[in-house]
Protein backbone atom coordinates (compact mmCIF):
# COMPACT_ATOMS: atom_id res chain seq x y z
CA MET A 1 65.10 93.44 96.29
CA HIS A 2 67.46 96.33 96.78
CA ASP A 3 70.54 97.35 94.88
CA ILE A 4 73.47 99.60 95.61
CA LYS A 5 76.07 100.02 92.93
CA PHE A 6 79.31 102.01 92.99
CA ASP A 7 80.21 102.84 89.38
CA PRO A 8 83.70 104.30 89.08
CA VAL A 9 84.02 107.47 87.05
CA PRO A 10 87.43 108.50 85.66
CA ILE A 11 89.06 111.08 87.90
CA ASP A 12 89.47 113.25 84.79
CA ASP A 13 85.67 113.56 84.79
CA LEU A 14 85.62 114.93 88.34
CA PRO A 15 83.16 117.84 88.54
CA GLU A 16 84.71 121.30 88.54
CA SER A 17 83.44 121.87 92.09
CA LEU A 18 85.57 118.96 93.42
CA ARG A 19 88.77 119.71 91.52
CA PRO A 20 90.15 122.17 94.12
CA VAL A 21 89.80 119.47 96.80
CA HIS A 22 91.57 116.94 94.58
CA ASN A 23 94.35 119.43 93.82
CA TYR A 24 94.70 120.18 97.54
CA TRP A 25 95.02 116.42 98.30
CA ARG A 26 97.64 115.99 95.54
CA GLN A 27 99.63 118.97 96.81
CA LEU A 28 99.67 117.55 100.35
CA LYS A 29 100.53 114.07 99.09
CA GLY A 30 103.65 115.11 97.22
CA ASP A 31 105.86 112.04 96.69
CA ARG A 32 104.23 110.08 99.52
CA ILE A 33 101.50 107.47 99.39
CA ALA A 34 98.88 109.88 100.77
CA PRO A 35 98.57 112.90 103.06
CA THR A 36 98.16 112.33 106.79
CA TRP A 37 95.05 113.15 108.79
CA PRO A 38 96.81 115.76 111.00
CA GLU A 39 97.80 117.79 107.95
CA PHE A 40 94.49 117.52 106.09
CA ASP A 41 92.41 120.67 106.73
CA LEU A 42 88.67 120.10 106.32
CA MET A 43 88.26 123.84 105.82
CA GLN A 44 89.85 123.35 102.38
CA ILE A 45 86.58 121.68 101.38
CA PRO A 46 84.09 124.28 100.14
CA LEU A 47 81.58 125.08 102.88
CA SER A 48 78.70 124.13 100.60
CA MET A 49 80.14 120.57 100.48
CA LEU A 50 81.25 120.27 104.09
CA ARG A 51 77.67 119.46 105.19
CA PHE A 52 77.88 116.27 103.13
CA THR A 53 81.44 115.30 104.06
CA MET A 54 82.49 112.38 106.25
CA VAL A 55 85.85 111.31 107.61
CA LYS A 56 86.18 107.67 108.62
CA ASP A 57 89.11 106.23 110.54
CA VAL A 58 90.09 102.72 109.48
CA GLU A 59 90.44 100.42 112.49
CA THR A 60 92.27 97.18 111.89
CA ASP A 61 91.64 94.90 114.86
CA PRO A 62 88.77 94.29 114.57
CA ARG A 63 88.19 95.84 111.14
CA ALA A 64 85.85 98.83 111.43
CA TYR A 65 85.25 102.25 109.92
CA ARG A 66 84.71 104.82 112.67
CA TYR A 67 83.25 108.21 111.83
CA ARG A 68 85.64 110.92 112.96
CA PHE A 69 83.51 113.60 111.27
CA PHE A 70 79.89 113.24 110.15
CA GLY A 71 78.70 116.36 108.33
CA SER A 72 75.57 118.20 109.44
CA GLY A 73 73.78 117.34 106.18
CA PHE A 74 74.15 113.66 107.01
CA VAL A 75 73.03 114.29 110.61
CA ASP A 76 69.89 115.93 109.24
CA MET A 77 69.20 113.06 106.82
CA ASN A 78 70.09 110.33 109.31
CA GLY A 79 68.27 111.87 112.25
CA SER A 80 71.31 111.30 114.45
CA ASP A 81 75.02 112.00 114.55
CA LEU A 82 77.22 108.98 113.83
CA THR A 83 80.43 110.73 114.92
CA GLN A 84 82.53 108.23 116.93
CA LYS A 85 80.26 105.38 115.78
CA THR A 86 81.11 102.88 113.07
CA THR A 87 79.47 101.97 109.81
CA ASP A 88 78.25 98.87 111.68
CA ASP A 89 76.09 101.19 113.83
CA MET A 90 73.93 102.19 110.86
CA ALA A 91 70.26 101.30 111.27
CA ASN A 92 70.09 99.01 108.24
CA ARG A 93 72.57 96.13 108.66
CA ASN A 94 72.46 95.08 105.01
CA PHE A 95 73.11 98.62 103.79
CA SER A 96 75.89 98.89 106.38
CA ALA A 97 77.47 95.71 105.01
CA ALA A 98 77.35 97.11 101.47
CA ILE A 99 79.06 100.32 102.59
CA ARG A 100 81.66 98.33 104.50
CA ALA A 101 82.45 96.14 101.47
CA SER A 102 82.85 99.28 99.36
CA LEU A 103 85.25 100.75 101.93
CA ASP A 104 87.19 97.48 102.14
CA ALA A 105 87.76 97.64 98.38
CA PHE A 106 88.72 101.32 98.54
CA THR A 107 91.36 100.81 101.23
CA GLN A 108 93.25 98.37 99.00
CA GLN A 109 94.60 101.24 96.90
CA PHE A 110 95.98 104.73 97.53
CA GLU A 111 94.25 106.80 94.88
CA PRO A 112 91.24 109.09 95.13
CA ARG A 113 88.12 107.58 93.59
CA PHE A 114 85.03 109.18 92.15
CA TYR A 115 81.82 107.14 91.89
CA ARG A 116 78.24 107.41 90.77
CA VAL A 117 76.38 105.55 93.48
CA THR A 118 72.98 104.17 92.52
CA THR A 119 70.52 102.91 95.11
CA ARG A 120 67.21 101.28 94.31
CA ILE A 121 64.60 99.95 96.67
CA GLY A 122 62.30 97.33 95.20
CA HIS A 123 60.95 98.46 91.87
CA GLN A 124 60.79 102.08 92.95
CA ARG A 125 62.79 104.85 91.37
CA GLU A 126 66.54 104.82 91.44
CA GLU A 127 68.53 107.53 93.16
CA VAL A 128 72.00 108.51 91.99
CA GLN A 129 74.54 110.47 93.95
CA SER A 130 78.18 111.38 93.39
CA LEU A 131 80.80 110.20 95.87
CA PHE A 132 84.41 111.38 96.00
CA ARG A 133 86.76 109.48 98.32
CA LEU A 134 90.27 110.53 99.30
CA PRO A 135 92.65 108.20 101.15
CA LEU A 136 94.78 109.43 104.05
CA SER A 137 97.69 107.53 105.58
CA ASN A 138 99.32 108.37 108.89
CA ASP A 139 101.89 105.56 108.58
CA GLN A 140 102.43 105.68 104.78
CA LYS A 141 101.82 101.93 104.68
CA GLN A 142 98.03 101.64 104.66
CA VAL A 143 94.93 103.77 104.36
CA THR A 144 94.23 104.98 107.91
CA SER A 145 91.41 107.47 107.17
CA ILE A 146 89.01 108.21 104.34
CA VAL A 147 87.56 111.60 103.43
CA SER A 148 84.25 111.18 101.59
CA ILE A 149 82.34 114.00 99.93
CA VAL A 150 78.85 113.36 98.58
CA SER A 151 77.28 115.62 96.00
CA ASP A 152 74.02 115.21 94.14
CA HIS A 153 72.93 113.51 97.35
CA VAL A 154 69.71 111.52 97.64
CA ASP A 155 66.71 113.18 99.14
CA LYS A 156 65.81 112.65 102.77
CA HIS A 157 62.78 110.44 101.97
CA HIS A 158 64.83 108.00 99.87
CA TYR A 159 67.58 107.90 102.50
CA HIS A 160 65.02 106.96 105.19
CA GLU A 161 63.66 104.23 102.91
CA ILE A 162 67.18 102.81 102.58
CA GLN A 163 67.73 102.90 106.33
CA SER A 164 64.36 101.47 107.31
CA THR A 165 64.17 98.58 104.85
CA SER A 166 65.38 95.44 106.58
CA ASP A 167 65.24 92.80 103.87
CA GLY A 168 68.19 91.84 101.71
CA TRP A 169 70.23 93.86 99.31
CA SER A 170 70.37 91.76 96.17
CA LYS A 171 73.39 93.34 94.51
CA PHE A 172 76.49 95.17 95.51
CA SER A 173 79.21 96.33 93.18
CA PRO A 174 82.18 97.88 95.01
CA GLN A 175 84.36 98.47 91.92
């Protein structure tokens, strides 16, 4: 069996390296629900983190998460560029469903979230990565885009194991 778990970490415990991005988001947000995509400048993300940054647009009918930006670090790990594709286009359908459920939960609120994401395949070693998500809203009514920055990312071998394993994911905790 396979597990993926999103454990929320208090935003106060955000690593020092991500604090400038959080401060930038808060400055853009002001008194609104969230900044808009047109005003969010990806170049405000440190270059060392941009490789492992994604921007997903939230489509509502039908519900989908389309990659607007898929960082080069993810392209290298994935073996292909998912820009303009959706999370449903990921190789592993069960993993895709877990990611989608996590995004569904995230879009129900308008606050940045920081997670420790743990993946485990079978009884093999666990891999933990840090995930920082920032909501964007073009209409100030709903989350219309999500900026995701992954640090402490899993190694390429573990990522390929996740993508190539077709049997069920036993647990998912979106928190």
